[in-house]
């Protein structure tokens, strides 16, 4: 999976600075982090709706959309897959409950 994420992220990052009239990705990136975050949120909601509706095919399509828009958001915000992989790696030795409890302040 990480290979697919890395390839998609590289494609998205290559669109930074491209002509927004020629590329949907470039248009999102040109609009800034806030627009990318809103679009990610819209796609996340659509993914939840597909899951609640138990529509596997729609859930797969919406999941692809949400992953794409998450990577666009990362690119807009200057976050790389490696940044996220490092956080995930740090959590490998911890249970999910312990990790969640460590965030409470």
PDB file of N, CA and C in Angstrom:
ATOM      1  N   UNK A   1       0.825  -1.202   0.000  1.00  0.00           N
ATOM      2  CA  UNK A   1       0.000   0.000   0.000  1.00  0.00           C
ATOM      3  C   UNK A   1       0.862   1.256   0.000  1.00  0.00           C
ATOM      4  N   UNK A   2       1.960   1.230   0.769  1.00  0.00           N
ATOM      5  CA  UNK A   2       2.757   2.451   0.835  1.00  0.00           C
ATOM      6  C   UNK A   2       3.345   2.815  -0.522  1.00  0.00           C
ATOM      7  N   UNK A   3       3.623   1.815  -1.374  1.00  0.00           N
ATOM      8  CA  UNK A   3       4.114   2.135  -2.718  1.00  0.00           C
ATOM      9  C   UNK A   3       3.072   2.936  -3.496  1.00  0.00           C
ATOM     10  N   UNK A   4       1.818   2.531  -3.399  1.00  0.00           N
ATOM     11  CA  UNK A   4       0.751   3.251  -4.092  1.00  0.00           C
ATOM     12  C   UNK A   4       0.605   4.664  -3.529  1.00  0.00           C
ATOM     13  N   UNK A   5       0.692   4.785  -2.224  1.00  0.00           N
ATOM     14  CA  UNK A   5       0.610   6.101  -1.581  1.00  0.00           C
ATOM     15  C   UNK A   5       1.778   6.975  -2.038  1.00  0.00           C
ATOM     16  N   UNK A   6       2.976   6.393  -2.037  1.00  0.00           N
ATOM     17  CA  UNK A   6       4.157   7.158  -2.442  1.00  0.00           C
ATOM     18  C   UNK A   6       4.061   7.611  -3.900  1.00  0.00           C
ATOM     19  N   UNK A   7       3.589   6.724  -4.781  1.00  0.00           N
ATOM     20  CA  UNK A   7       3.456   7.091  -6.197  1.00  0.00           C
ATOM     21  C   UNK A   7       2.420   8.190  -6.385  1.00  0.00           C
ATOM     22  N   UNK A   8       1.273   8.050  -5.711  1.00  0.00           N
ATOM     23  CA  UNK A   8       0.228   9.068  -5.836  1.00  0.00           C
ATOM     24  C   UNK A   8       0.714  10.398  -5.276  1.00  0.00           C
ATOM     25  N   UNK A   9       1.390  10.363  -4.129  1.00  0.00           N
ATOM     26  CA  UNK A   9       1.898  11.601  -3.542  1.00  0.00           C
ATOM     27  C   UNK A   9       2.892  12.273  -4.488  1.00  0.00           C
ATOM     28  N   UNK A  10       3.763  11.495  -5.104  1.00  0.00           N
ATOM     29  CA  UNK A  10       4.747  12.060  -6.041  1.00  0.00           C
ATOM     30  C   UNK A  10       4.050  12.739  -7.213  1.00  0.00           C
ATOM     31  N   UNK A  11       2.990  12.131  -7.706  1.00  0.00           N
ATOM     32  CA  UNK A  11       2.219  12.730  -8.804  1.00  0.00           C
ATOM     33  C   UNK A  11       1.592  14.042  -8.351  1.00  0.00           C
ATOM     34  N   UNK A  12       1.008  14.027  -7.156  1.00  0.00           N
ATOM     35  CA  UNK A  12       0.374  15.236  -6.611  1.00  0.00           C
ATOM     36  C   UNK A  12       1.425  16.331  -6.411  1.00  0.00           C
ATOM     37  N   UNK A  13       2.545  15.987  -5.798  1.00  0.00           N
ATOM     38  CA  UNK A  13       3.598  16.979  -5.539  1.00  0.00           C
ATOM     39  C   UNK A  13       4.124  17.575  -6.844  1.00  0.00           C
ATOM     40  N   UNK A  14       4.151  16.768  -7.890  1.00  0.00           N
ATOM     41  CA  UNK A  14       4.624  17.260  -9.192  1.00  0.00           C
ATOM     42  C   UNK A  14       3.664  18.284  -9.792  1.00  0.00           C
ATOM     43  N   UNK A  15       2.440  18.309  -9.327  1.00  0.00           N
ATOM     44  CA  UNK A  15       1.445  19.259  -9.838  1.00  0.00           C
ATOM     45  C   UNK A  15       1.538  20.630  -9.170  1.00  0.00           C
ATOM     46  N   UNK A  16       2.301  20.722  -8.067  1.00  0.00           N
ATOM     47  CA  UNK A  16       2.474  22.030  -7.406  1.00  0.00           C
ATOM     48  C   UNK A  16       3.057  23.004  -8.412  1.00  0.00           C
ATOM     49  N   UNK A  17       2.457  24.134  -8.534  1.00  0.00           N
ATOM     50  CA  UNK A  17       2.941  25.149  -9.453  1.00  0.00           C
ATOM     51  C   UNK A  17       2.505  24.949 -10.891  1.00  0.00           C
ATOM     52  N   UNK A  18       1.794  23.846 -11.170  1.00  0.00           N
ATOM     53  CA  UNK A  18       1.286  23.634 -12.530  1.00  0.00           C
ATOM     54  C   UNK A  18       0.119  24.586 -12.775  1.00  0.00           C
ATOM     55  N   UNK A  19      -0.286  24.669 -14.010  1.00  0.00           N
ATOM     56  CA  UNK A  19      -1.397  25.545 -14.403  1.00  0.00           C
ATOM     57  C   UNK A  19      -2.709  24.993 -13.843  1.00  0.00           C
ATOM     58  N   UNK A  20      -3.344  25.741 -12.932  1.00  0.00           N
ATOM     59  CA  UNK A  20      -4.604  25.276 -12.340  1.00  0.00           C
ATOM     60  C   UNK A  20      -5.716  25.050 -13.362  1.00  0.00           C
ATOM     61  N   UNK A  21      -5.652  25.721 -14.503  1.00  0.00           N
ATOM     62  CA  UNK A  21      -6.693  25.509 -15.516  1.00  0.00           C
ATOM     63  C   UNK A  21      -6.481  24.195 -16.273  1.00  0.00           C
ATOM     64  N   UNK A  22      -5.321  23.586 -16.089  1.00  0.00           N
ATOM     65  CA  UNK A  22      -5.000  22.347 -16.788  1.00  0.00           C
ATOM     66  C   UNK A  22      -4.989  21.120 -15.883  1.00  0.00           C
ATOM     67  N   UNK A  23      -5.107  21.328 -14.565  1.00  0.00           N
ATOM     68  CA  UNK A  23      -4.989  20.216 -13.623  1.00  0.00           C
ATOM     69  C   UNK A  23      -5.875  20.460 -12.408  1.00  0.00           C
ATOM     70  N   UNK A  24      -6.750  19.486 -12.121  1.00  0.00           N
ATOM     71  CA  UNK A  24      -7.599  19.571 -10.933  1.00  0.00           C
ATOM     72  C   UNK A  24      -6.732  19.630  -9.682  1.00  0.00           C
ATOM     73  N   UNK A  25      -5.693  18.802  -9.626  1.00  0.00           N
ATOM     74  CA  UNK A  25      -4.800  18.790  -8.466  1.00  0.00           C
ATOM     75  C   UNK A  25      -4.139  20.144  -8.291  1.00  0.00           C
ATOM     76  N   UNK A  26      -3.643  20.710  -9.374  1.00  0.00           N
ATOM     77  CA  UNK A  26      -3.005  22.026  -9.305  1.00  0.00           C
ATOM     78  C   UNK A  26      -3.995  23.083  -8.835  1.00  0.00           C
ATOM     79  N   UNK A  27      -5.253  22.964  -9.253  1.00  0.00           N
ATOM     80  CA  UNK A  27      -6.254  23.956  -8.822  1.00  0.00           C
ATOM     81  C   UNK A  27      -6.517  23.850  -7.326  1.00  0.00           C
ATOM     82  N   UNK A  28      -6.550  22.632  -6.798  1.00  0.00           N
ATOM     83  CA  UNK A  28      -6.730  22.471  -5.351  1.00  0.00           C
ATOM     84  C   UNK A  28      -5.535  23.044  -4.598  1.00  0.00           C
ATOM     85  N   UNK A  29      -4.335  22.688  -5.038  1.00  0.00           N
ATOM     86  CA  UNK A  29      -3.131  23.170  -4.363  1.00  0.00           C
ATOM     87  C   UNK A  29      -3.024  24.686  -4.427  1.00  0.00           C
ATOM     88  N   UNK A  30      -3.392  25.267  -5.547  1.00  0.00           N
ATOM     89  CA  UNK A  30      -3.343  26.727  -5.693  1.00  0.00           C
ATOM     90  C   UNK A  30      -4.341  27.415  -4.773  1.00  0.00           C
ATOM     91  N   UNK A  31      -5.433  26.730  -4.445  1.00  0.00           N
ATOM     92  CA  UNK A  31      -6.460  27.316  -3.583  1.00  0.00           C
ATOM     93  C   UNK A  31      -6.051  27.313  -2.111  1.00  0.00           C
ATOM     94  N   UNK A  32      -5.038  26.541  -1.748  1.00  0.00           N
ATOM     95  CA  UNK A  32      -4.510  26.576  -0.389  1.00  0.00           C
ATOM     96  C   UNK A  32      -5.010  25.472   0.523  1.00  0.00           C
ATOM     97  N   UNK A  33      -4.410  25.444   1.700  1.00  0.00           N
ATOM     98  CA  UNK A  33      -4.676  24.403   2.686  1.00  0.00           C
ATOM     99  C   UNK A  33      -6.153  24.354   3.072  1.00  0.00           C
ATOM    100  N   UNK A  34      -6.770  25.519   3.265  1.00  0.00           N
ATOM    101  CA  UNK A  34      -8.167  25.536   3.725  1.00  0.00           C
ATOM    102  C   UNK A  34      -9.082  24.848   2.717  1.00  0.00           C
ATOM    103  N   UNK A  35      -8.929  25.146   1.439  1.00  0.00           N
ATOM    104  CA  UNK A  35      -9.742  24.524   0.398  1.00  0.00           C
ATOM    105  C   UNK A  35      -9.477  23.023   0.353  1.00  0.00           C
ATOM    106  N   UNK A  36      -8.217  22.642   0.434  1.00  0.00           N
ATOM    107  CA  UNK A  36      -7.878  21.221   0.414  1.00  0.00           C
ATOM    108  C   UNK A  36      -8.472  20.502   1.624  1.00  0.00           C
ATOM    109  N   UNK A  37      -8.456  21.148   2.776  1.00  0.00           N
ATOM    110  CA  UNK A  37      -9.025  20.552   3.987  1.00  0.00           C
ATOM    111  C   UNK A  37     -10.541  20.402   3.856  1.00  0.00           C
ATOM    112  N   UNK A  38     -11.200  21.415   3.325  1.00  0.00           N
ATOM    113  CA  UNK A  38     -12.656  21.331   3.129  1.00  0.00           C
ATOM    114  C   UNK A  38     -13.008  20.197   2.171  1.00  0.00           C
ATOM    115  N   UNK A  39     -12.263  20.086   1.085  1.00  0.00           N
ATOM    116  CA  UNK A  39     -12.534  19.044   0.099  1.00  0.00           C
ATOM    117  C   UNK A  39     -12.299  17.667   0.707  1.00  0.00           C
ATOM    118  N   UNK A  40     -11.234  17.514   1.493  1.00  0.00           N
ATOM    119  CA  UNK A  40     -10.987  16.256   2.189  1.00  0.00           C
ATOM    120  C   UNK A  40     -12.167  15.931   3.108  1.00  0.00           C
ATOM    121  N   UNK A  41     -12.644  16.918   3.840  1.00  0.00           N
ATOM    122  CA  UNK A  41     -13.784  16.709   4.735  1.00  0.00           C
ATOM    123  C   UNK A  41     -15.033  16.265   3.995  1.00  0.00           C
ATOM    124  N   UNK A  42     -15.299  16.880   2.852  1.00  0.00           N
ATOM    125  CA  UNK A  42     -16.454  16.475   2.038  1.00  0.00           C
ATOM    126  C   UNK A  42     -16.334  15.016   1.623  1.00  0.00           C
ATOM    127  N   UNK A  43     -15.152  14.639   1.173  1.00  0.00           N
ATOM    128  CA  UNK A  43     -14.932  13.260   0.733  1.00  0.00           C
ATOM    129  C   UNK A  43     -15.024  12.289   1.901  1.00  0.00           C
ATOM    130  N   UNK A  44     -14.555  12.700   3.071  1.00  0.00           N
ATOM    131  CA  UNK A  44     -14.648  11.846   4.257  1.00  0.00           C
ATOM    132  C   UNK A  44     -16.105  11.576   4.614  1.00  0.00           C
ATOM    133  N   UNK A  45     -16.929  12.609   4.543  1.00  0.00           N
ATOM    134  CA  UNK A  45     -18.361  12.444   4.828  1.00  0.00           C
ATOM    135  C   UNK A  45     -18.994  11.487   3.817  1.00  0.00           C
ATOM    136  N   UNK A  46     -18.654  11.637   2.551  1.00  0.00           N
ATOM    137  CA  UNK A  46     -19.198  10.745   1.522  1.00  0.00           C
ATOM    138  C   UNK A  46     -18.757   9.300   1.765  1.00  0.00           C
ATOM    139  N   UNK A  47     -17.548   9.114   2.282  1.00  0.00           N
ATOM    140  CA  UNK A  47     -17.061   7.778   2.603  1.00  0.00           C
ATOM    141  C   UNK A  47     -17.855   7.182   3.759  1.00  0.00           C
ATOM    142  N   UNK A  48     -18.126   7.985   4.765  1.00  0.00           N
ATOM    143  CA  UNK A  48     -18.929   7.528   5.902  1.00  0.00           C
ATOM    144  C   UNK A  48     -20.327   7.124   5.437  1.00  0.00           C
ATOM    145  N   UNK A  49     -20.926   7.926   4.594  1.00  0.00           N
ATOM    146  CA  UNK A  49     -22.272   7.625   4.085  1.00  0.00           C
ATOM    147  C   UNK A  49     -22.271   6.306   3.317  1.00  0.00           C
ATOM    148  N   UNK A  50     -21.248   6.088   2.499  1.00  0.00           N
ATOM    149  CA  UNK A  50     -21.155   4.827   1.752  1.00  0.00           C
ATOM    150  C   UNK A  50     -21.004   3.644   2.703  1.00  0.00           C
ATOM    151  N   UNK A  51     -20.225   3.828   3.762  1.00  0.00           N
ATOM    152  CA  UNK A  51     -20.038   2.744   4.735  1.00  0.00           C
ATOM    153  C   UNK A  51     -21.329   2.442   5.475  1.00  0.00           C
ATOM    154  N   UNK A  52     -22.020   3.472   5.896  1.00  0.00           N
ATOM    155  CA  UNK A  52     -23.283   3.278   6.608  1.00  0.00           C
ATOM    156  C   UNK A  52     -24.305   2.590   5.705  1.00  0.00           C
ATOM    157  N   UNK A  53     -24.265   2.939   4.417  1.00  0.00           N
ATOM    158  CA  UNK A  53     -25.176   2.321   3.458  1.00  0.00           C
ATOM    159  C   UNK A  53     -24.769   0.922   3.042  1.00  0.00           C
ATOM    160  N   UNK A  54     -23.644   0.459   3.556  1.00  0.00           N
ATOM    161  CA  UNK A  54     -23.132  -0.886   3.266  1.00  0.00           C
ATOM    162  C   UNK A  54     -22.995  -1.162   1.773  1.00  0.00           C
ATOM    163  N   UNK A  55     -22.597  -0.121   1.055  1.00  0.00           N
ATOM    164  CA  UNK A  55     -22.385  -0.238  -0.392  1.00  0.00           C
ATOM    165  C   UNK A  55     -20.879  -0.398  -0.618  1.00  0.00           C
ATOM    166  N   UNK A  56     -20.435  -1.647  -0.779  1.00  0.00           N
ATOM    167  CA  UNK A  56     -19.000  -1.939  -0.883  1.00  0.00           C
ATOM    168  C   UNK A  56     -18.346  -1.210  -2.056  1.00  0.00           C
ATOM    169  N   UNK A  57     -18.980  -1.248  -3.212  1.00  0.00           N
ATOM    170  CA  UNK A  57     -18.392  -0.620  -4.394  1.00  0.00           C
ATOM    171  C   UNK A  57     -18.273   0.892  -4.197  1.00  0.00           C
ATOM    172  N   UNK A  58     -19.323   1.495  -3.663  1.00  0.00           N
ATOM    173  CA  UNK A  58     -19.286   2.948  -3.418  1.00  0.00           C
ATOM    174  C   UNK A  58     -18.265   3.275  -2.332  1.00  0.00           C
ATOM    175  N   UNK A  59     -18.176   2.432  -1.310  1.00  0.00           N
ATOM    176  CA  UNK A  59     -17.186   2.647  -0.257  1.00  0.00           C
ATOM    177  C   UNK A  59     -15.766   2.582  -0.835  1.00  0.00           C
ATOM    178  N   UNK A  60     -15.514   1.662  -1.741  1.00  0.00           N
ATOM    179  CA  UNK A  60     -14.193   1.577  -2.374  1.00  0.00           C
ATOM    180  C   UNK A  60     -13.901   2.840  -3.183  1.00  0.00           C
ATOM    181  N   UNK A  61     -14.888   3.308  -3.950  1.00  0.00           N
ATOM    182  CA  UNK A  61     -14.695   4.529  -4.752  1.00  0.00           C
ATOM    183  C   UNK A  61     -14.458   5.743  -3.858  1.00  0.00           C
ATOM    184  N   UNK A  62     -15.286   5.889  -2.847  1.00  0.00           N
ATOM    185  CA  UNK A  62     -15.143   7.040  -1.949  1.00  0.00           C
ATOM    186  C   UNK A  62     -13.852   6.958  -1.142  1.00  0.00           C
ATOM    187  N   UNK A  63     -13.434   5.751  -0.798  1.00  0.00           N
ATOM    188  CA  UNK A  63     -12.169   5.583  -0.085  1.00  0.00           C
ATOM    189  C   UNK A  63     -11.003   6.037  -0.952  1.00  0.00           C
ATOM    190  N   UNK A  64     -11.048   5.710  -2.233  1.00  0.00           N
ATOM    191  CA  UNK A  64     -10.007   6.185  -3.151  1.00  0.00           C
ATOM    192  C   UNK A  64     -10.013   7.712  -3.202  1.00  0.00           C
ATOM    193  N   UNK A  65     -11.198   8.299  -3.264  1.00  0.00           N
ATOM    194  CA  UNK A  65     -11.305   9.765  -3.277  1.00  0.00           C
ATOM    195  C   UNK A  65     -10.742  10.379  -2.000  1.00  0.00           C
ATOM    196  N   UNK A  66     -11.075   9.777  -0.853  1.00  0.00           N
ATOM    197  CA  UNK A  66     -10.619  10.346   0.418  1.00  0.00           C
ATOM    198  C   UNK A  66      -9.103  10.219   0.538  1.00  0.00           C
ATOM    199  N   UNK A  67      -8.528   9.114   0.077  1.00  0.00           N
ATOM    200  CA  UNK A  67      -7.069   8.983   0.108  1.00  0.00           C
ATOM    201  C   UNK A  67      -6.399  10.020  -0.788  1.00  0.00           C
ATOM    202  N   UNK A  68      -6.934  10.187  -2.000  1.00  0.00           N
ATOM    203  CA  UNK A  68      -6.385  11.198  -2.909  1.00  0.00           C
ATOM    204  C   UNK A  68      -6.431  12.585  -2.264  1.00  0.00           C
ATOM    205  N   UNK A  69      -7.591  12.956  -1.721  1.00  0.00           N
ATOM    206  CA  UNK A  69      -7.732  14.300  -1.153  1.00  0.00           C
ATOM    207  C   UNK A  69      -6.912  14.466   0.127  1.00  0.00           C
ATOM    208  N   UNK A  70      -6.689  13.385   0.870  1.00  0.00           N
ATOM    209  CA  UNK A  70      -5.804  13.460   2.030  1.00  0.00           C
ATOM    210  C   UNK A  70      -4.375  13.759   1.574  1.00  0.00           C
ATOM    211  N   UNK A  71      -3.935  13.108   0.519  1.00  0.00           N
ATOM    212  CA  UNK A  71      -2.580  13.353   0.018  1.00  0.00           C
ATOM    213  C   UNK A  71      -2.444  14.756  -0.557  1.00  0.00           C
ATOM    214  N   UNK A  72      -3.483  15.255  -1.186  1.00  0.00           N
ATOM    215  CA  UNK A  72      -3.455  16.647  -1.657  1.00  0.00           C
ATOM    216  C   UNK A  72      -3.333  17.585  -0.460  1.00  0.00           C
ATOM    217  N   UNK A  73      -4.073  17.298   0.592  1.00  0.00           N
ATOM    218  CA  UNK A  73      -3.984  18.115   1.806  1.00  0.00           C
ATOM    219  C   UNK A  73      -2.581  18.051   2.400  1.00  0.00           C
ATOM    220  N   UNK A  74      -1.999  16.860   2.458  1.00  0.00           N
ATOM    221  CA  UNK A  74      -0.616  16.753   2.949  1.00  0.00           C
ATOM    222  C   UNK A  74       0.310  17.639   2.127  1.00  0.00           C
ATOM    223  N   UNK A  75       0.205  17.531   0.803  1.00  0.00           N
ATOM    224  CA  UNK A  75       1.084  18.309  -0.077  1.00  0.00           C
ATOM    225  C   UNK A  75       0.887  19.804   0.153  1.00  0.00           C
ATOM    226  N   UNK A  76      -0.345  20.231   0.290  1.00  0.00           N
ATOM    227  CA  UNK A  76      -0.635  21.651   0.518  1.00  0.00           C
ATOM    228  C   UNK A  76      -0.062  22.131   1.844  1.00  0.00           C
ATOM    229  N   UNK A  77      -0.056  21.237   2.835  1.00  0.00           N
ATOM    230  CA  UNK A  77       0.399  21.607   4.176  1.00  0.00           C
ATOM    231  C   UNK A  77       1.875  21.314   4.402  1.00  0.00           C
ATOM    232  N   UNK A  78       2.548  20.747   3.409  1.00  0.00           N
ATOM    233  CA  UNK A  78       3.972  20.459   3.554  1.00  0.00           C
ATOM    234  C   UNK A  78       4.276  19.202   4.348  1.00  0.00           C
ATOM    235  N   UNK A  79       3.311  18.295   4.432  1.00  0.00           N
ATOM    236  CA  UNK A  79       3.501  17.014   5.113  1.00  0.00           C
ATOM    237  C   UNK A  79       3.801  15.962   4.053  1.00  0.00           C
ATOM    238  N   UNK A  80       4.755  15.093   4.317  1.00  0.00           N
ATOM    239  CA  UNK A  80       5.092  14.037   3.366  1.00  0.00           C
ATOM    240  C   UNK A  80       4.633  12.683   3.900  1.00  0.00           C
ATOM    241  N   UNK A  81       4.515  11.702   3.026  1.00  0.00           N
ATOM    242  CA  UNK A  81       4.209  10.356   3.512  1.00  0.00           C
ATOM    243  C   UNK A  81       5.233   9.881   4.553  1.00  0.00           C
ATOM    244  N   UNK A  82       6.494  10.232   4.362  1.00  0.00           N
ATOM    245  CA  UNK A  82       7.529   9.833   5.314  1.00  0.00           C
ATOM    246  C   UNK A  82       7.246  10.392   6.706  1.00  0.00           C
ATOM    247  N   UNK A  83       6.710  11.616   6.773  1.00  0.00           N
ATOM    248  CA  UNK A  83       6.339  12.199   8.062  1.00  0.00           C
ATOM    249  C   UNK A  83       5.291  11.324   8.754  1.00  0.00           C
ATOM    250  N   UNK A  84       4.315  10.892   7.991  1.00  0.00           N
ATOM    251  CA  UNK A  84       3.226  10.081   8.544  1.00  0.00           C
ATOM    252  C   UNK A  84       3.732   8.680   8.880  1.00  0.00           C
ATOM    253  N   UNK A  85       4.556   8.108   8.000  1.00  0.00           N
ATOM    254  CA  UNK A  85       5.120   6.781   8.274  1.00  0.00           C
ATOM    255  C   UNK A  85       5.913   6.793   9.575  1.00  0.00           C
ATOM    256  N   UNK A  86       6.644   7.868   9.840  1.00  0.00           N
ATOM    257  CA  UNK A  86       7.434   7.956  11.069  1.00  0.00           C
ATOM    258  C   UNK A  86       6.536   7.950  12.300  1.00  0.00           C
ATOM    259  N   UNK A  87       5.410   8.647  12.231  1.00  0.00           N
ATOM    260  CA  UNK A  87       4.462   8.643  13.354  1.00  0.00           C
ATOM    261  C   UNK A  87       3.890   7.247  13.539  1.00  0.00           C
ATOM    262  N   UNK A  88       3.499   6.606  12.441  1.00  0.00           N
ATOM    263  CA  UNK A  88       2.952   5.257  12.531  1.00  0.00           C
ATOM    264  C   UNK A  88       3.974   4.277  13.089  1.00  0.00           C
ATOM    265  N   UNK A  89       5.218   4.392  12.650  1.00  0.00           N
ATOM    266  CA  UNK A  89       6.278   3.508  13.144  1.00  0.00           C
ATOM    267  C   UNK A  89       6.444   3.668  14.641  1.00  0.00           C
ATOM    268  N   UNK A  90       6.392   4.900  15.119  1.00  0.00           N
ATOM    269  CA  UNK A  90       6.511   5.153  16.547  1.00  0.00           C
ATOM    270  C   UNK A  90       5.375   4.548  17.361  1.00  0.00           C
ATOM    271  N   UNK A  91       4.267   4.285  16.722  1.00  0.00           N
ATOM    272  CA  UNK A  91       3.112   3.710  17.413  1.00  0.00           C
ATOM    273  C   UNK A  91       3.086   2.184  17.367  1.00  0.00           C
ATOM    274  N   UNK A  92       3.970   1.574  16.588  1.00  0.00           N
ATOM    275  CA  UNK A  92       3.946   0.122  16.429  1.00  0.00           C
ATOM    276  C   UNK A  92       4.160  -0.634  17.730  1.00  0.00           C
ATOM    277  N   UNK A  93       4.913  -0.073  18.640  1.00  0.00           N
ATOM    278  CA  UNK A  93       5.235  -0.770  19.883  1.00  0.00           C
ATOM    279  C   UNK A  93       4.237  -0.455  20.997  1.00  0.00           C
ATOM    280  N   UNK A  94       3.189   0.236  20.654  1.00  0.00           N
ATOM    281  CA  UNK A  94       2.225   0.698  21.644  1.00  0.00           C
ATOM    282  C   UNK A  94       0.843   0.191  21.269  1.00  0.00           C
ATOM    283  N   UNK A  95       0.067  -0.189  22.256  1.00  0.00           N
ATOM    284  CA  UNK A  95      -1.315  -0.545  21.946  1.00  0.00           C
ATOM    285  C   UNK A  95      -2.087   0.702  21.591  1.00  0.00           C
ATOM    286  N   UNK A  96      -3.167   0.524  20.861  1.00  0.00           N
ATOM    287  CA  UNK A  96      -3.997   1.668  20.474  1.00  0.00           C
ATOM    288  C   UNK A  96      -4.559   2.395  21.679  1.00  0.00           C
ATOM    289  N   UNK A  97      -4.941   1.642  22.701  1.00  0.00           N
ATOM    290  CA  UNK A  97      -5.490   2.265  23.902  1.00  0.00           C
ATOM    291  C   UNK A  97      -4.418   3.078  24.621  1.00  0.00           C
ATOM    292  N   UNK A  98      -3.198   2.540  24.701  1.00  0.00           N
ATOM    293  CA  UNK A  98      -2.118   3.272  25.376  1.00  0.00           C
ATOM    294  C   UNK A  98      -1.760   4.537  24.600  1.00  0.00           C
ATOM    295  N   UNK A  99      -1.727   4.435  23.262  1.00  0.00           N
ATOM    296  CA  UNK A  99      -1.406   5.610  22.451  1.00  0.00           C
ATOM    297  C   UNK A  99      -2.453   6.683  22.647  1.00  0.00           C
ATOM    298  N   UNK A 100      -3.725   6.284  22.636  1.00  0.00           N
ATOM    299  CA  UNK A 100      -4.810   7.252  22.796  1.00  0.00           C
ATOM    300  C   UNK A 100      -4.729   7.908  24.185  1.00  0.00           C
ATOM    301  N   UNK A 101      -4.444   7.124  25.205  1.00  0.00           N
ATOM    302  CA  UNK A 101      -4.343   7.656  26.564  1.00  0.00           C
ATOM    303  C   UNK A 101      -3.169   8.633  26.691  1.00  0.00           C
ATOM    304  N   UNK A 102      -2.100   8.403  25.936  1.00  0.00           N
ATOM    305  CA  UNK A 102      -0.940   9.288  26.013  1.00  0.00           C
ATOM    306  C   UNK A 102      -1.234  10.671  25.472  1.00  0.00           C
ATOM    307  N   UNK A 103      -2.278  10.801  24.657  1.00  0.00           N
ATOM    308  CA  UNK A 103      -2.620  12.102  24.064  1.00  0.00           C
ATOM    309  C   UNK A 103      -3.495  12.933  24.986  1.00  0.00           C
ATOM    310  N   UNK A 104      -4.058  12.337  26.030  1.00  0.00           N
ATOM    311  CA  UNK A 104      -4.919  13.106  26.939  1.00  0.00           C
ATOM    312  C   UNK A 104      -4.049  13.986  27.814  1.00  0.00           C
ATOM    313  N   UNK A 105      -4.451  15.215  27.941  1.00  0.00           N
ATOM    314  CA  UNK A 105      -3.627  16.137  28.725  1.00  0.00           C
ATOM    315  C   UNK A 105      -4.417  16.832  29.690  1.00  0.00           C
TER     316      UNK A 105
END
